[in-house]
Amino acid sequence: MAIETLDDIAEELADKFGIYENRNAWIIELKARIITAIETERAVHKNYGKNIDAIREASFERADLESRRLDK
């Protein structure tokens, strides 16, 4: 199976790790974490040398918000 979207990546990982209980919730959370990890790394590289800890802390908050948004 070719991986083309974030949904494909999340589904592939769920299969690989044998996630069957609460699969949809797990996939939503995983997608939120992937999105925020990418955003965080972009922010860290863009603002290298600035308050990186604050950027990373904010990413956890964004992950929660993104997870709620995807869950709707």
PDB file of N, CA and C in Angstrom:
ATOM      1  N   MET A   1       0.838  -1.177   0.000  1.00  0.00           N
ATOM      2  CA  MET A   1       0.000   0.000   0.000  1.00  0.00           C
ATOM      3  C   MET A   1       0.883   1.240   0.000  1.00  0.00           C
ATOM      4  N   ALA A   2       0.618   2.152  -0.896  1.00  0.00           N
ATOM      5  CA  ALA A   2       1.375   3.397  -0.959  1.00  0.00           C
ATOM      6  C   ALA A   2       0.844   4.375   0.089  1.00  0.00           C
ATOM      7  N   ILE A   3       1.767   4.993   0.780  1.00  0.00           N
ATOM      8  CA  ILE A   3       1.379   5.989   1.780  1.00  0.00           C
ATOM      9  C   ILE A   3       1.333   7.340   1.096  1.00  0.00           C
ATOM     10  N   GLU A   4       0.144   7.944   1.073  1.00  0.00           N
ATOM     11  CA  GLU A   4      -0.029   9.206   0.374  1.00  0.00           C
ATOM     12  C   GLU A   4      -0.509  10.325   1.273  1.00  0.00           C
ATOM     13  N   THR A   5      -1.189  10.006   2.355  1.00  0.00           N
ATOM     14  CA  THR A   5      -1.755  11.042   3.218  1.00  0.00           C
ATOM     15  C   THR A   5      -1.433  10.747   4.677  1.00  0.00           C
ATOM     16  N   LEU A   6      -1.710  11.724   5.509  1.00  0.00           N
ATOM     17  CA  LEU A   6      -1.529  11.544   6.948  1.00  0.00           C
ATOM     18  C   LEU A   6      -2.439  10.430   7.465  1.00  0.00           C
ATOM     19  N   ASP A   7      -3.627  10.320   6.897  1.00  0.00           N
ATOM     20  CA  ASP A   7      -4.536   9.232   7.278  1.00  0.00           C
ATOM     21  C   ASP A   7      -3.911   7.877   6.965  1.00  0.00           C
ATOM     22  N   ASP A   8      -3.269   7.775   5.792  1.00  0.00           N
ATOM     23  CA  ASP A   8      -2.609   6.521   5.419  1.00  0.00           C
ATOM     24  C   ASP A   8      -1.502   6.164   6.407  1.00  0.00           C
ATOM     25  N   ILE A   9      -0.720   7.172   6.797  1.00  0.00           N
ATOM     26  CA  ILE A   9       0.365   6.944   7.753  1.00  0.00           C
ATOM     27  C   ILE A   9      -0.202   6.453   9.082  1.00  0.00           C
ATOM     28  N   ALA A  10      -1.237   7.119   9.576  1.00  0.00           N
ATOM     29  CA  ALA A  10      -1.837   6.742  10.855  1.00  0.00           C
ATOM     30  C   ALA A  10      -2.431   5.334  10.789  1.00  0.00           C
ATOM     31  N   GLU A  11      -3.119   5.017   9.705  1.00  0.00           N
ATOM     32  CA  GLU A  11      -3.699   3.674   9.543  1.00  0.00           C
ATOM     33  C   GLU A  11      -2.596   2.613   9.495  1.00  0.00           C
ATOM     34  N   GLU A  12      -1.539   2.903   8.769  1.00  0.00           N
ATOM     35  CA  GLU A  12      -0.424   1.963   8.640  1.00  0.00           C
ATOM     36  C   GLU A  12       0.231   1.707  10.002  1.00  0.00           C
ATOM     37  N   LEU A  13       0.417   2.765  10.779  1.00  0.00           N
ATOM     38  CA  LEU A  13       1.001   2.602  12.114  1.00  0.00           C
ATOM     39  C   LEU A  13       0.062   1.852  13.051  1.00  0.00           C
ATOM     40  N   ALA A  14      -1.223   2.120  12.963  1.00  0.00           N
ATOM     41  CA  ALA A  14      -2.192   1.394  13.790  1.00  0.00           C
ATOM     42  C   ALA A  14      -2.130  -0.099  13.476  1.00  0.00           C
ATOM     43  N   ASP A  15      -2.045  -0.432  12.193  1.00  0.00           N
ATOM     44  CA  ASP A  15      -1.917  -1.837  11.799  1.00  0.00           C
ATOM     45  C   ASP A  15      -0.614  -2.439  12.323  1.00  0.00           C
ATOM     46  N   LYS A  16       0.479  -1.697  12.140  1.00  0.00           N
ATOM     47  CA  LYS A  16       1.793  -2.197  12.549  1.00  0.00           C
ATOM     48  C   LYS A  16       1.851  -2.498  14.043  1.00  0.00           C
ATOM     49  N   PHE A  17       1.230  -1.633  14.854  1.00  0.00           N
ATOM     50  CA  PHE A  17       1.282  -1.815  16.294  1.00  0.00           C
ATOM     51  C   PHE A  17       0.080  -2.584  16.846  1.00  0.00           C
ATOM     52  N   GLY A  18      -0.767  -3.084  15.968  1.00  0.00           N
ATOM     53  CA  GLY A  18      -1.893  -3.903  16.407  1.00  0.00           C
ATOM     54  C   GLY A  18      -2.921  -3.150  17.224  1.00  0.00           C
ATOM     55  N   ILE A  19      -3.180  -1.909  16.861  1.00  0.00           N
ATOM     56  CA  ILE A  19      -4.164  -1.094  17.582  1.00  0.00           C
ATOM     57  C   ILE A  19      -5.542  -1.374  16.995  1.00  0.00           C
ATOM     58  N   TYR A  20      -6.398  -2.013  17.800  1.00  0.00           N
ATOM     59  CA  TYR A  20      -7.751  -2.307  17.334  1.00  0.00           C
ATOM     60  C   TYR A  20      -8.798  -1.716  18.274  1.00  0.00           C
ATOM     61  N   GLU A  21      -8.482  -1.661  19.579  1.00  0.00           N
ATOM     62  CA  GLU A  21      -9.391  -1.017  20.527  1.00  0.00           C
ATOM     63  C   GLU A  21      -9.203   0.485  20.436  1.00  0.00           C
ATOM     64  N   ASN A  22     -10.287   1.208  20.448  1.00  0.00           N
ATOM     65  CA  ASN A  22     -10.239   2.672  20.377  1.00  0.00           C
ATOM     66  C   ASN A  22      -9.394   3.155  19.202  1.00  0.00           C
ATOM     67  N   ARG A  23      -9.459   2.435  18.104  1.00  0.00           N
ATOM     68  CA  ARG A  23      -8.612   2.719  16.940  1.00  0.00           C
ATOM     69  C   ARG A  23      -8.808   4.134  16.413  1.00  0.00           C
ATOM     70  N   ASN A  24     -10.061   4.565  16.268  1.00  0.00           N
ATOM     71  CA  ASN A  24     -10.307   5.902  15.721  1.00  0.00           C
ATOM     72  C   ASN A  24      -9.734   6.985  16.618  1.00  0.00           C
ATOM     73  N   ALA A  25      -9.907   6.847  17.918  1.00  0.00           N
ATOM     74  CA  ALA A  25      -9.352   7.825  18.857  1.00  0.00           C
ATOM     75  C   ALA A  25      -7.828   7.824  18.791  1.00  0.00           C
ATOM     76  N   TRP A  26      -7.244   6.646  18.682  1.00  0.00           N
ATOM     77  CA  TRP A  26      -5.792   6.526  18.598  1.00  0.00           C
ATOM     78  C   TRP A  26      -5.284   7.208  17.334  1.00  0.00           C
ATOM     79  N   ILE A  27      -5.967   6.990  16.210  1.00  0.00           N
ATOM     80  CA  ILE A  27      -5.564   7.585  14.937  1.00  0.00           C
ATOM     81  C   ILE A  27      -5.687   9.103  14.993  1.00  0.00           C
ATOM     82  N   ILE A  28      -6.767   9.598  15.572  1.00  0.00           N
ATOM     83  CA  ILE A  28      -6.949  11.053  15.699  1.00  0.00           C
ATOM     84  C   ILE A  28      -5.827  11.651  16.538  1.00  0.00           C
ATOM     85  N   GLU A  29      -5.520  11.024  17.652  1.00  0.00           N
ATOM     86  CA  GLU A  29      -4.449  11.526  18.526  1.00  0.00           C
ATOM     87  C   GLU A  29      -3.101  11.476  17.812  1.00  0.00           C
ATOM     88  N   LEU A  30      -2.835  10.412  17.095  1.00  0.00           N
ATOM     89  CA  LEU A  30      -1.571  10.283  16.371  1.00  0.00           C
ATOM     90  C   LEU A  30      -1.432  11.368  15.310  1.00  0.00           C
ATOM     91  N   LYS A  31      -2.494  11.610  14.550  1.00  0.00           N
ATOM     92  CA  LYS A  31      -2.447  12.655  13.521  1.00  0.00           C
ATOM     93  C   LYS A  31      -2.194  14.019  14.151  1.00  0.00           C
ATOM     94  N   ALA A  32      -2.842  14.287  15.276  1.00  0.00           N
ATOM     95  CA  ALA A  32      -2.632  15.566  15.965  1.00  0.00           C
ATOM     96  C   ALA A  32      -1.182  15.703  16.406  1.00  0.00           C
ATOM     97  N   ARG A  33      -0.619  14.633  16.916  1.00  0.00           N
ATOM     98  CA  ARG A  33       0.770  14.687  17.377  1.00  0.00           C
ATOM     99  C   ARG A  33       1.747  14.838  16.214  1.00  0.00           C
ATOM    100  N   ILE A  34       1.479  14.196  15.095  1.00  0.00           N
ATOM    101  CA  ILE A  34       2.343  14.346  13.917  1.00  0.00           C
ATOM    102  C   ILE A  34       2.305  15.783  13.423  1.00  0.00           C
ATOM    103  N   ILE A  35       1.105  16.336  13.305  1.00  0.00           N
ATOM    104  CA  ILE A  35       0.952  17.714  12.830  1.00  0.00           C
ATOM    105  C   ILE A  35       1.689  18.680  13.748  1.00  0.00           C
ATOM    106  N   THR A  36       1.495  18.533  15.048  1.00  0.00           N
ATOM    107  CA  THR A  36       2.131  19.478  15.968  1.00  0.00           C
ATOM    108  C   THR A  36       3.639  19.267  16.053  1.00  0.00           C
ATOM    109  N   ALA A  37       4.103  18.036  15.880  1.00  0.00           N
ATOM    110  CA  ALA A  37       5.551  17.805  15.872  1.00  0.00           C
ATOM    111  C   ALA A  37       6.197  18.518  14.691  1.00  0.00           C
ATOM    112  N   ILE A  38       5.557  18.444  13.538  1.00  0.00           N
ATOM    113  CA  ILE A  38       6.079  19.136  12.357  1.00  0.00           C
ATOM    114  C   ILE A  38       6.060  20.639  12.576  1.00  0.00           C
ATOM    115  N   GLU A  39       4.952  21.163  13.086  1.00  0.00           N
ATOM    116  CA  GLU A  39       4.857  22.602  13.356  1.00  0.00           C
ATOM    117  C   GLU A  39       5.899  23.040  14.378  1.00  0.00           C
ATOM    118  N   THR A  40       6.108  22.231  15.403  1.00  0.00           N
ATOM    119  CA  THR A  40       7.083  22.568  16.439  1.00  0.00           C
ATOM    120  C   THR A  40       8.490  22.617  15.867  1.00  0.00           C
ATOM    121  N   GLU A  41       8.851  21.609  15.086  1.00  0.00           N
ATOM    122  CA  GLU A  41      10.195  21.595  14.512  1.00  0.00           C
ATOM    123  C   GLU A  41      10.405  22.759  13.557  1.00  0.00           C
ATOM    124  N   ARG A  42       9.385  23.106  12.800  1.00  0.00           N
ATOM    125  CA  ARG A  42       9.492  24.289  11.936  1.00  0.00           C
ATOM    126  C   ARG A  42       9.743  25.536  12.768  1.00  0.00           C
ATOM    127  N   ALA A  43       8.984  25.685  13.855  1.00  0.00           N
ATOM    128  CA  ALA A  43       9.135  26.860  14.719  1.00  0.00           C
ATOM    129  C   ALA A  43      10.507  26.883  15.377  1.00  0.00           C
ATOM    130  N   VAL A  44      10.989  25.728  15.814  1.00  0.00           N
ATOM    131  CA  VAL A  44      12.297  25.657  16.457  1.00  0.00           C
ATOM    132  C   VAL A  44      13.388  26.064  15.473  1.00  0.00           C
ATOM    133  N   HIS A  45      13.332  25.544  14.257  1.00  0.00           N
ATOM    134  CA  HIS A  45      14.355  25.880  13.268  1.00  0.00           C
ATOM    135  C   HIS A  45      14.265  27.336  12.840  1.00  0.00           C
ATOM    136  N   LYS A  46      13.053  27.840  12.743  1.00  0.00           N
ATOM    137  CA  LYS A  46      12.851  29.237  12.343  1.00  0.00           C
ATOM    138  C   LYS A  46      13.352  30.184  13.429  1.00  0.00           C
ATOM    139  N   ASN A  47      13.161  29.810  14.677  1.00  0.00           N
ATOM    140  CA  ASN A  47      13.502  30.671  15.810  1.00  0.00           C
ATOM    141  C   ASN A  47      14.692  30.136  16.594  1.00  0.00           C
ATOM    142  N   TYR A  48      15.597  29.459  15.914  1.00  0.00           N
ATOM    143  CA  TYR A  48      16.729  28.833  16.595  1.00  0.00           C
ATOM    144  C   TYR A  48      17.470  29.848  17.461  1.00  0.00           C
ATOM    145  N   GLY A  49      17.707  29.468  18.694  1.00  0.00           N
ATOM    146  CA  GLY A  49      18.410  30.333  19.620  1.00  0.00           C
ATOM    147  C   GLY A  49      17.476  31.146  20.495  1.00  0.00           C
ATOM    148  N   LYS A  50      16.207  31.144  20.158  1.00  0.00           N
ATOM    149  CA  LYS A  50      15.238  31.867  20.980  1.00  0.00           C
ATOM    150  C   LYS A  50      14.688  30.901  22.026  1.00  0.00           C
ATOM    151  N   ASN A  51      13.568  31.188  22.596  1.00  0.00           N
ATOM    152  CA  ASN A  51      13.026  30.391  23.693  1.00  0.00           C
ATOM    153  C   ASN A  51      12.420  29.082  23.173  1.00  0.00           C
ATOM    154  N   ILE A  52      13.274  28.116  22.922  1.00  0.00           N
ATOM    155  CA  ILE A  52      12.860  26.843  22.329  1.00  0.00           C
ATOM    156  C   ILE A  52      11.978  26.044  23.292  1.00  0.00           C
ATOM    157  N   ASP A  53      12.260  26.109  24.586  1.00  0.00           N
ATOM    158  CA  ASP A  53      11.431  25.378  25.557  1.00  0.00           C
ATOM    159  C   ASP A  53       9.985  25.863  25.523  1.00  0.00           C
ATOM    160  N   ALA A  54       9.793  27.163  25.399  1.00  0.00           N
ATOM    161  CA  ALA A  54       8.433  27.715  25.321  1.00  0.00           C
ATOM    162  C   ALA A  54       7.737  27.250  24.050  1.00  0.00           C
ATOM    163  N   ILE A  55       8.486  27.169  22.958  1.00  0.00           N
ATOM    164  CA  ILE A  55       7.912  26.694  21.692  1.00  0.00           C
ATOM    165  C   ILE A  55       7.464  25.246  21.850  1.00  0.00           C
ATOM    166  N   ARG A  56       8.296  24.423  22.441  1.00  0.00           N
ATOM    167  CA  ARG A  56       7.952  23.004  22.611  1.00  0.00           C
ATOM    168  C   ARG A  56       6.783  22.830  23.578  1.00  0.00           C
ATOM    169  N   GLU A  57       6.746  23.618  24.629  1.00  0.00           N
ATOM    170  CA  GLU A  57       5.630  23.544  25.582  1.00  0.00           C
ATOM    171  C   GLU A  57       4.321  23.920  24.900  1.00  0.00           C
ATOM    172  N   ALA A  58       4.366  24.946  24.078  1.00  0.00           N
ATOM    173  CA  ALA A  58       3.167  25.365  23.352  1.00  0.00           C
ATOM    174  C   ALA A  58       2.709  24.277  22.393  1.00  0.00           C
ATOM    175  N   SER A  59       3.634  23.461  21.912  1.00  0.00           N
ATOM    176  CA  SER A  59       3.255  22.403  20.976  1.00  0.00           C
ATOM    177  C   SER A  59       2.361  21.364  21.638  1.00  0.00           C
ATOM    178  N   PHE A  60       2.556  21.106  22.925  1.00  0.00           N
ATOM    179  CA  PHE A  60       1.685  20.161  23.627  1.00  0.00           C
ATOM    180  C   PHE A  60       0.258  20.701  23.685  1.00  0.00           C
ATOM    181  N   GLU A  61       0.145  22.004  23.919  1.00  0.00           N
ATOM    182  CA  GLU A  61      -1.177  22.623  23.933  1.00  0.00           C
ATOM    183  C   GLU A  61      -1.811  22.549  22.547  1.00  0.00           C
ATOM    184  N   ARG A  62      -1.017  22.782  21.506  1.00  0.00           N
ATOM    185  CA  ARG A  62      -1.541  22.695  20.140  1.00  0.00           C
ATOM    186  C   ARG A  62      -1.969  21.274  19.810  1.00  0.00           C
ATOM    187  N   ALA A  63      -1.241  20.285  20.311  1.00  0.00           N
ATOM    188  CA  ALA A  63      -1.606  18.889  20.060  1.00  0.00           C
ATOM    189  C   ALA A  63      -2.978  18.582  20.636  1.00  0.00           C
ATOM    190  N   ASP A  64      -3.244  19.074  21.837  1.00  0.00           N
ATOM    191  CA  ASP A  64      -4.559  18.862  22.439  1.00  0.00           C
ATOM    192  C   ASP A  64      -5.651  19.527  21.615  1.00  0.00           C
ATOM    193  N   LEU A  65      -5.413  20.764  21.199  1.00  0.00           N
ATOM    194  CA  LEU A  65      -6.404  21.479  20.391  1.00  0.00           C
ATOM    195  C   LEU A  65      -6.621  20.793  19.047  1.00  0.00           C
ATOM    196  N   GLU A  66      -5.537  20.364  18.416  1.00  0.00           N
ATOM    197  CA  GLU A  66      -5.633  19.698  17.116  1.00  0.00           C
ATOM    198  C   GLU A  66      -6.378  18.377  17.254  1.00  0.00           C
ATOM    199  N   SER A  67      -6.132  17.657  18.335  1.00  0.00           N
ATOM    200  CA  SER A  67      -6.820  16.393  18.571  1.00  0.00           C
ATOM    201  C   SER A  67      -8.319  16.615  18.709  1.00  0.00           C
ATOM    202  N   ARG A  68      -8.700  17.643  19.449  1.00  0.00           N
ATOM    203  CA  ARG A  68     -10.128  17.954  19.597  1.00  0.00           C
ATOM    204  C   ARG A  68     -10.745  18.354  18.267  1.00  0.00           C
ATOM    205  N   ARG A  69      -9.999  19.122  17.460  1.00  0.00           N
ATOM    206  CA  ARG A  69     -10.514  19.557  16.163  1.00  0.00           C
ATOM    207  C   ARG A  69     -10.722  18.350  15.243  1.00  0.00           C
ATOM    208  N   LEU A  70      -9.774  17.443  15.223  1.00  0.00           N
ATOM    209  CA  LEU A  70      -9.877  16.268  14.365  1.00  0.00           C
ATOM    210  C   LEU A  70     -10.967  15.312  14.837  1.00  0.00           C
ATOM    211  N   ASP A  71     -11.286  15.350  16.116  1.00  0.00           N
ATOM    212  CA  ASP A  71     -12.278  14.442  16.692  1.00  0.00           C
ATOM    213  C   ASP A  71     -13.704  14.835  16.337  1.00  0.00           C
ATOM    214  N   LYS A  72     -13.901  16.050  15.837  1.00  0.00           N
ATOM    215  CA  LYS A  72     -15.258  16.524  15.513  1.00  0.00           C
ATOM    216  C   LYS A  72     -15.768  15.925  14.235  1.00  0.00           C
TER     217      LYS A  72
END
